[in-house]
PDB file of N, CA and C in Angstrom:
ATOM      1  N   MET A   1       9.403  -7.552  27.116  1.00  0.00           N
ATOM      2  CA  MET A   1       9.085  -6.190  25.670  1.00  0.00           C
ATOM      3  C   MET A   1       8.145  -6.885  24.614  1.00  0.00           C
ATOM      4  N   GLN A   2       7.368  -5.595  24.078  1.00  0.00           N
ATOM      5  CA  GLN A   2       6.160  -5.541  24.055  1.00  0.00           C
ATOM      6  C   GLN A   2       6.053  -5.819  22.573  1.00  0.00           C
ATOM      7  N   ALA A   3       4.861  -6.631  22.027  1.00  0.00           N
ATOM      8  CA  ALA A   3       4.578  -7.419  20.993  1.00  0.00           C
ATOM      9  C   ALA A   3       4.928  -5.803  19.694  1.00  0.00           C
ATOM     10  N   GLN A   4       5.176  -6.133  18.857  1.00  0.00           N
ATOM     11  CA  GLN A   4       5.366  -5.052  17.486  1.00  0.00           C
ATOM     12  C   GLN A   4       3.663  -5.812  16.710  1.00  0.00           C
ATOM     13  N   GLU A   5       3.469  -4.654  16.862  1.00  0.00           N
ATOM     14  CA  GLU A   5       1.463  -4.159  15.327  1.00  0.00           C
ATOM     15  C   GLU A   5       2.263  -4.816  14.525  1.00  0.00           C
ATOM     16  N   ALA A   6       0.994  -6.302  14.261  1.00  0.00           N
ATOM     17  CA  ALA A   6       1.236  -5.988  13.164  1.00  0.00           C
ATOM     18  C   ALA A   6       0.969  -5.169  11.844  1.00  0.00           C
ATOM     19  N   ALA A   7       1.806  -4.858  10.505  1.00  0.00           N
ATOM     20  CA  ALA A   7       1.897  -4.111   9.564  1.00  0.00           C
ATOM     21  C   ALA A   7       0.136  -4.427   8.345  1.00  0.00           C
ATOM     22  N   ASP A   8      -0.412  -3.151   7.893  1.00  0.00           N
ATOM     23  CA  ASP A   8      -1.467  -3.716   7.764  1.00  0.00           C
ATOM     24  C   ASP A   8      -1.320  -3.831   6.091  1.00  0.00           C
ATOM     25  N   PHE A   9       0.394  -3.039   5.921  1.00  0.00           N
ATOM     26  CA  PHE A   9      -0.010  -2.017   4.169  1.00  0.00           C
ATOM     27  C   PHE A   9       2.494  -2.542   4.622  1.00  0.00           C
ATOM     28  N   GLY A  10       2.344  -2.758   2.854  1.00  0.00           N
ATOM     29  CA  GLY A  10       4.289  -3.089   2.740  1.00  0.00           C
ATOM     30  C   GLY A  10       4.771  -2.065   1.552  1.00  0.00           C
ATOM     31  N   LEU A  11       5.413  -2.045   2.022  1.00  0.00           N
ATOM     32  CA  LEU A  11       5.791  -1.056   0.442  1.00  0.00           C
ATOM     33  C   LEU A  11       7.209  -1.733  -0.545  1.00  0.00           C
ATOM     34  N   GLU A  12       7.582  -1.710  -1.188  1.00  0.00           N
ATOM     35  CA  GLU A  12       8.257  -2.034  -1.601  1.00  0.00           C
ATOM     36  C   GLU A  12       8.659  -1.236  -3.042  1.00  0.00           C
ATOM     37  N   SER A  13      10.105  -0.947  -2.871  1.00  0.00           N
ATOM     38  CA  SER A  13      10.513  -0.464  -4.270  1.00  0.00           C
ATOM     39  C   SER A  13      10.574  -1.519  -5.386  1.00  0.00           C
ATOM     40  N   ALA A  14       9.997  -0.747  -6.601  1.00  0.00           N
ATOM     41  CA  ALA A  14       9.900  -1.678  -7.528  1.00  0.00           C
ATOM     42  C   ALA A  14      10.534  -1.507  -9.412  1.00  0.00           C
ATOM     43  N   GLY A  15      11.908  -0.819  -9.064  1.00  0.00           N
ATOM     44  CA  GLY A  15      12.158  -0.416  -9.924  1.00  0.00           C
ATOM     45  C   GLY A  15      11.628   1.046  -9.909  1.00  0.00           C
ATOM     46  N   PRO A  16      11.195   1.326 -11.183  1.00  0.00           N
ATOM     47  CA  PRO A  16      10.406   2.486 -11.320  1.00  0.00           C
ATOM     48  C   PRO A  16       9.683   2.312 -10.375  1.00  0.00           C
ATOM     49  N   PHE A  17       8.859   1.877  -9.654  1.00  0.00           N
ATOM     50  CA  PHE A  17       7.547   1.717  -9.003  1.00  0.00           C
ATOM     51  C   PHE A  17       8.177   2.266  -7.785  1.00  0.00           C
ATOM     52  N   GLU A  18       6.999   1.811  -6.910  1.00  0.00           N
ATOM     53  CA  GLU A  18       6.279   0.924  -5.664  1.00  0.00           C
ATOM     54  C   GLU A  18       5.504   0.138  -5.662  1.00  0.00           C
ATOM     55  N   LEU A  19       5.678  -1.208  -4.702  1.00  0.00           N
ATOM     56  CA  LEU A  19       4.393  -2.017  -4.868  1.00  0.00           C
ATOM     57  C   LEU A  19       3.661  -1.645  -4.149  1.00  0.00           C
ATOM     58  N   LEU A  20       1.880  -1.636  -3.632  1.00  0.00           N
ATOM     59  CA  LEU A  20       2.325  -1.326  -2.168  1.00  0.00           C
ATOM     60  C   LEU A  20       1.585  -2.162  -2.163  1.00  0.00           C
ATOM     61  N   HIS A  21       1.401  -3.084  -1.647  1.00  0.00           N
ATOM     62  CA  HIS A  21       1.522  -4.568  -0.372  1.00  0.00           C
ATOM     63  C   HIS A  21      -0.335  -4.465   0.480  1.00  0.00           C
ATOM     64  N   PRO A  22      -1.264  -4.830   0.088  1.00  0.00           N
ATOM     65  CA  PRO A  22      -2.342  -4.909   1.088  1.00  0.00           C
ATOM     66  C   PRO A  22      -2.049  -5.900   2.695  1.00  0.00           C
ATOM     67  N   LEU A  23      -1.437  -6.347   3.272  1.00  0.00           N
ATOM     68  CA  LEU A  23      -1.636  -7.160   3.868  1.00  0.00           C
ATOM     69  C   LEU A  23      -2.688  -7.661   4.606  1.00  0.00           C
ATOM     70  N   ASN A  24      -4.046  -7.559   4.675  1.00  0.00           N
ATOM     71  CA  ASN A  24      -4.697  -8.231   5.632  1.00  0.00           C
ATOM     72  C   ASN A  24      -6.482  -8.327   4.452  1.00  0.00           C
ATOM     73  N   PRO A  25      -7.518  -8.126   4.962  1.00  0.00           N
ATOM     74  CA  PRO A  25      -8.964  -7.629   4.138  1.00  0.00           C
ATOM     75  C   PRO A  25      -8.723  -6.245   4.448  1.00  0.00           C
ATOM     76  N   GLN A  26      -8.729  -5.358   5.868  1.00  0.00           N
ATOM     77  CA  GLN A  26      -9.253  -4.250   5.342  1.00  0.00           C
ATOM     78  C   GLN A  26      -7.799  -3.896   4.458  1.00  0.00           C
ATOM     79  N   ALA A  27      -6.801  -3.629   4.942  1.00  0.00           N
ATOM     80  CA  ALA A  27      -6.303  -3.223   3.226  1.00  0.00           C
ATOM     81  C   ALA A  27      -7.112  -2.586   2.820  1.00  0.00           C
ATOM     82  N   GLU A  28      -6.806  -4.703   1.689  1.00  0.00           N
ATOM     83  CA  GLU A  28      -7.565  -5.100   0.556  1.00  0.00           C
ATOM     84  C   GLU A  28      -8.413  -3.693   0.086  1.00  0.00           C
ATOM     85  N   LYS A  29      -9.553  -3.496   1.929  1.00  0.00           N
ATOM     86  CA  LYS A  29     -10.682  -2.745   1.216  1.00  0.00           C
ATOM     87  C   LYS A  29      -9.879  -1.536   1.042  1.00  0.00           C
ATOM     88  N   TRP A  30      -8.986  -1.435   1.757  1.00  0.00           N
ATOM     89  CA  TRP A  30      -8.887   0.055   1.000  1.00  0.00           C
ATOM     90  C   TRP A  30      -8.323   0.695  -0.044  1.00  0.00           C
ATOM     91  N   ILE A  31      -7.663  -0.287  -0.551  1.00  0.00           N
ATOM     92  CA  ILE A  31      -7.180   0.174  -1.919  1.00  0.00           C
ATOM     93  C   ILE A  31      -7.964   0.222  -3.016  1.00  0.00           C
ATOM     94  N   LYS A  32      -9.219  -0.513  -2.457  1.00  0.00           N
ATOM     95  CA  LYS A  32     -10.186  -0.546  -3.325  1.00  0.00           C
ATOM     96  C   LYS A  32     -11.521   0.257  -3.262  1.00  0.00           C
ATOM     97  N   GLU A  33     -11.315   1.190  -1.658  1.00  0.00           N
ATOM     98  CA  GLU A  33     -12.334   2.469  -1.519  1.00  0.00           C
ATOM     99  C   GLU A  33     -11.763   3.517  -2.331  1.00  0.00           C
ATOM    100  N   ASN A  34      -9.805   3.668  -1.692  1.00  0.00           N
ATOM    101  CA  ASN A  34      -8.943   4.372  -1.615  1.00  0.00           C
ATOM    102  C   ASN A  34      -8.464   5.025  -3.317  1.00  0.00           C
ATOM    103  N   LEU A  35      -8.002   3.889  -4.207  1.00  0.00           N
ATOM    104  CA  LEU A  35      -7.190   3.521  -5.306  1.00  0.00           C
ATOM    105  C   LEU A  35      -8.337   3.130  -6.521  1.00  0.00           C
ATOM    106  N   THR A  36      -9.065   4.656  -6.516  1.00  0.00           N
ATOM    107  CA  THR A  36     -10.258   3.589  -8.852  1.00  0.00           C
ATOM    108  C   THR A  36      -9.407   3.719  -9.105  1.00  0.00           C
ATOM    109  N   ASP A  37      -8.877   4.660  -9.616  1.00  0.00           N
ATOM    110  CA  ASP A  37      -8.481   4.263 -10.949  1.00  0.00           C
ATOM    111  C   ASP A  37      -7.387   3.720 -11.872  1.00  0.00           C
ATOM    112  N   VAL A  38      -6.872   2.620 -10.361  1.00  0.00           N
ATOM    113  CA  VAL A  38      -6.083   1.496 -10.642  1.00  0.00           C
ATOM    114  C   VAL A  38      -6.325   0.883 -11.988  1.00  0.00           C
ATOM    115  N   GLN A  39      -4.919   0.854 -13.137  1.00  0.00           N
ATOM    116  CA  GLN A  39      -5.465  -0.058 -13.974  1.00  0.00           C
ATOM    117  C   GLN A  39      -5.052  -1.477 -14.163  1.00  0.00           C
ATOM    118  N   PRO A  40      -4.570  -2.108 -15.503  1.00  0.00           N
ATOM    119  CA  PRO A  40      -4.575  -3.346 -15.142  1.00  0.00           C
ATOM    120  C   PRO A  40      -3.848  -3.285 -15.318  1.00  0.00           C
ATOM    121  N   TRP A  41      -2.370  -2.659 -15.970  1.00  0.00           N
ATOM    122  CA  TRP A  41      -1.536  -2.906 -15.256  1.00  0.00           C
ATOM    123  C   TRP A  41      -0.585  -2.890 -14.378  1.00  0.00           C
ATOM    124  N   GLN A  42      -1.674  -2.196 -13.158  1.00  0.00           N
ATOM    125  CA  GLN A  42      -0.752  -1.978 -12.114  1.00  0.00           C
ATOM    126  C   GLN A  42      -0.498  -2.777 -11.003  1.00  0.00           C
ATOM    127  N   LYS A  43      -2.118  -3.685 -11.822  1.00  0.00           N
ATOM    128  CA  LYS A  43      -1.891  -4.911 -10.765  1.00  0.00           C
ATOM    129  C   LYS A  43      -0.844  -5.775 -10.643  1.00  0.00           C
ATOM    130  N   PHE A  44      -0.424  -7.027  -9.218  1.00  0.00           N
ATOM    131  CA  PHE A  44       0.819  -7.268  -9.434  1.00  0.00           C
ATOM    132  C   PHE A  44       0.247  -8.638  -7.706  1.00  0.00           C
ATOM    133  N   GLY A  45      -0.988  -9.134  -8.271  1.00  0.00           N
ATOM    134  CA  GLY A  45      -1.090 -10.590  -7.258  1.00  0.00           C
ATOM    135  C   GLY A  45      -2.712  -9.217  -6.885  1.00  0.00           C
ATOM    136  N   LEU A  46      -2.690  -8.844  -5.659  1.00  0.00           N
ATOM    137  CA  LEU A  46      -3.025  -8.035  -4.445  1.00  0.00           C
ATOM    138  C   LEU A  46      -2.439  -6.891  -4.575  1.00  0.00           C
ATOM    139  N   ALA A  47      -0.476  -6.518  -4.790  1.00  0.00           N
ATOM    140  CA  ALA A  47      -0.073  -4.867  -4.422  1.00  0.00           C
ATOM    141  C   ALA A  47      -0.854  -4.274  -5.725  1.00  0.00           C
ATOM    142  N   VAL A  48      -1.052  -3.128  -5.812  1.00  0.00           N
ATOM    143  CA  VAL A  48      -0.469  -2.433  -6.688  1.00  0.00           C
ATOM    144  C   VAL A  48       1.262  -1.397  -7.145  1.00  0.00           C
ATOM    145  N   ALA A  49       0.657  -1.362  -8.043  1.00  0.00           N
ATOM    146  CA  ALA A  49       2.501  -0.881  -8.946  1.00  0.00           C
ATOM    147  C   ALA A  49       1.969   0.632  -8.492  1.00  0.00           C
ATOM    148  N   ILE A  50       2.638   1.684  -7.715  1.00  0.00           N
ATOM    149  CA  ILE A  50       2.166   2.853  -8.289  1.00  0.00           C
ATOM    150  C   ILE A  50       3.681   4.336  -8.698  1.00  0.00           C
ATOM    151  N   GLU A  51       3.732   5.168  -9.298  1.00  0.00           N
ATOM    152  CA  GLU A  51       4.788   5.849 -10.079  1.00  0.00           C
ATOM    153  C   GLU A  51       5.342   6.161  -8.230  1.00  0.00           C
ATOM    154  N   HIS A  52       6.599   6.445  -7.991  1.00  0.00           N
ATOM    155  CA  HIS A  52       7.149   6.887  -7.464  1.00  0.00           C
ATOM    156  C   HIS A  52       6.620   8.856  -7.279  1.00  0.00           C
ATOM    157  N   ARG A  53       6.574   9.458  -7.563  1.00  0.00           N
ATOM    158  CA  ARG A  53       6.079   9.948  -7.400  1.00  0.00           C
ATOM    159  C   ARG A  53       4.575  10.703  -6.471  1.00  0.00           C
ATOM    160  N   PHE A  54       3.260   9.721  -6.787  1.00  0.00           N
ATOM    161  CA  PHE A  54       2.768   9.383  -6.321  1.00  0.00           C
ATOM    162  C   PHE A  54       2.563   8.577  -4.485  1.00  0.00           C
ATOM    163  N   ALA A  55       3.755   8.324  -4.979  1.00  0.00           N
ATOM    164  CA  ALA A  55       3.457   7.122  -3.685  1.00  0.00           C
ATOM    165  C   ALA A  55       3.127   8.397  -1.796  1.00  0.00           C
ATOM    166  N   ALA A  56       4.054   8.967  -2.298  1.00  0.00           N
ATOM    167  CA  ALA A  56       4.711   9.907  -0.868  1.00  0.00           C
ATOM    168  C   ALA A  56       2.416   9.756   0.001  1.00  0.00           C
ATOM    169  N   GLU A  57       2.327  10.803  -1.408  1.00  0.00           N
ATOM    170  CA  GLU A  57       0.802  11.461  -0.813  1.00  0.00           C
ATOM    171  C   GLU A  57      -0.409  10.239  -0.335  1.00  0.00           C
ATOM    172  N   ILE A  58      -0.206   9.139  -1.469  1.00  0.00           N
ATOM    173  CA  ILE A  58      -0.638   7.649  -1.129  1.00  0.00           C
ATOM    174  C   ILE A  58      -0.641   7.417   0.774  1.00  0.00           C
ATOM    175  N   VAL A  59       1.401   7.222   0.598  1.00  0.00           N
ATOM    176  CA  VAL A  59       0.800   6.284   2.158  1.00  0.00           C
ATOM    177  C   VAL A  59       0.551   7.707   3.332  1.00  0.00           C
ATOM    178  N   LYS A  60       1.057   8.807   2.416  1.00  0.00           N
ATOM    179  CA  LYS A  60       0.522   9.959   3.991  1.00  0.00           C
ATOM    180  C   LYS A  60      -1.184   9.804   4.494  1.00  0.00           C
ATOM    181  N   GLU A  61      -1.916   8.999   3.685  1.00  0.00           N
ATOM    182  CA  GLU A  61      -3.203   9.009   3.066  1.00  0.00           C
ATOM    183  C   GLU A  61      -3.931   7.963   3.536  1.00  0.00           C
ATOM    184  N   ILE A  62      -3.040   7.110   3.797  1.00  0.00           N
ATOM    185  CA  ILE A  62      -2.930   5.999   4.304  1.00  0.00           C
ATOM    186  C   ILE A  62      -2.514   5.673   5.738  1.00  0.00           C
ATOM    187  N   LEU A  63      -2.106   6.334   6.201  1.00  0.00           N
ATOM    188  CA  LEU A  63      -1.051   6.561   7.918  1.00  0.00           C
ATOM    189  C   LEU A  63      -2.485   7.177   8.408  1.00  0.00           C
ATOM    190  N   ALA A  64      -2.503   8.488   8.076  1.00  0.00           N
ATOM    191  CA  ALA A  64      -3.751   9.592   7.932  1.00  0.00           C
ATOM    192  C   ALA A  64      -5.060   8.235   8.334  1.00  0.00           C
ATOM    193  N   ASP A  65      -5.828   7.759   7.756  1.00  0.00           N
ATOM    194  CA  ASP A  65      -6.975   6.412   7.984  1.00  0.00           C
ATOM    195  C   ASP A  65      -6.293   5.057   9.316  1.00  0.00           C
ATOM    196  N   GLY A  66      -4.976   5.729   9.997  1.00  0.00           N
ATOM    197  CA  GLY A  66      -4.670   4.991  11.208  1.00  0.00           C
ATOM    198  C   GLY A  66      -4.440   3.858  10.614  1.00  0.00           C
ATOM    199  N   PHE A  67      -3.492   3.381   9.186  1.00  0.00           N
ATOM    200  CA  PHE A  67      -3.104   2.407   9.280  1.00  0.00           C
ATOM    201  C   PHE A  67      -1.763   2.378   8.891  1.00  0.00           C
ATOM    202  N   ARG A  68      -1.036   0.916   9.940  1.00  0.00           N
ATOM    203  CA  ARG A  68      -0.032   0.757   9.675  1.00  0.00           C
ATOM    204  C   ARG A  68       0.958   0.886   8.303  1.00  0.00           C
ATOM    205  N   LEU A  69       2.337   0.585   8.330  1.00  0.00           N
ATOM    206  CA  LEU A  69       2.730  -0.168   7.413  1.00  0.00           C
ATOM    207  C   LEU A  69       4.244   0.230   7.817  1.00  0.00           C
ATOM    208  N   LYS A  70       4.871  -0.946   6.822  1.00  0.00           N
ATOM    209  CA  LYS A  70       6.426  -1.132   6.295  1.00  0.00           C
ATOM    210  C   LYS A  70       7.170  -1.152   5.000  1.00  0.00           C
ATOM    211  N   GLU A  71       8.018  -0.913   5.645  1.00  0.00           N
ATOM    212  CA  GLU A  71       8.756  -0.556   4.260  1.00  0.00           C
ATOM    213  C   GLU A  71       9.410  -2.450   3.832  1.00  0.00           C
ATOM    214  N   PHE A  72       9.394  -2.442   2.435  1.00  0.00           N
ATOM    215  CA  PHE A  72      10.053  -4.333   2.413  1.00  0.00           C
ATOM    216  C   PHE A  72      11.783  -3.932   1.699  1.00  0.00           C
TER     217      PHE A  72
END
């Protein structure tokens, strides 16, 4: 049996938003470098609230950069 690789990001549906959770320091760095216009109200600890209409594009970018993502 093969061990599953750990995810770098978690994505959680939270009402009108998706919460993008960085699960390691590299994911935290990606958020800081790529989501540069995050407003204070969008921050939930290390997670970032993203409107559903933008989530798919952000997920595409995360995967294109070689990260792994899991849904919560």
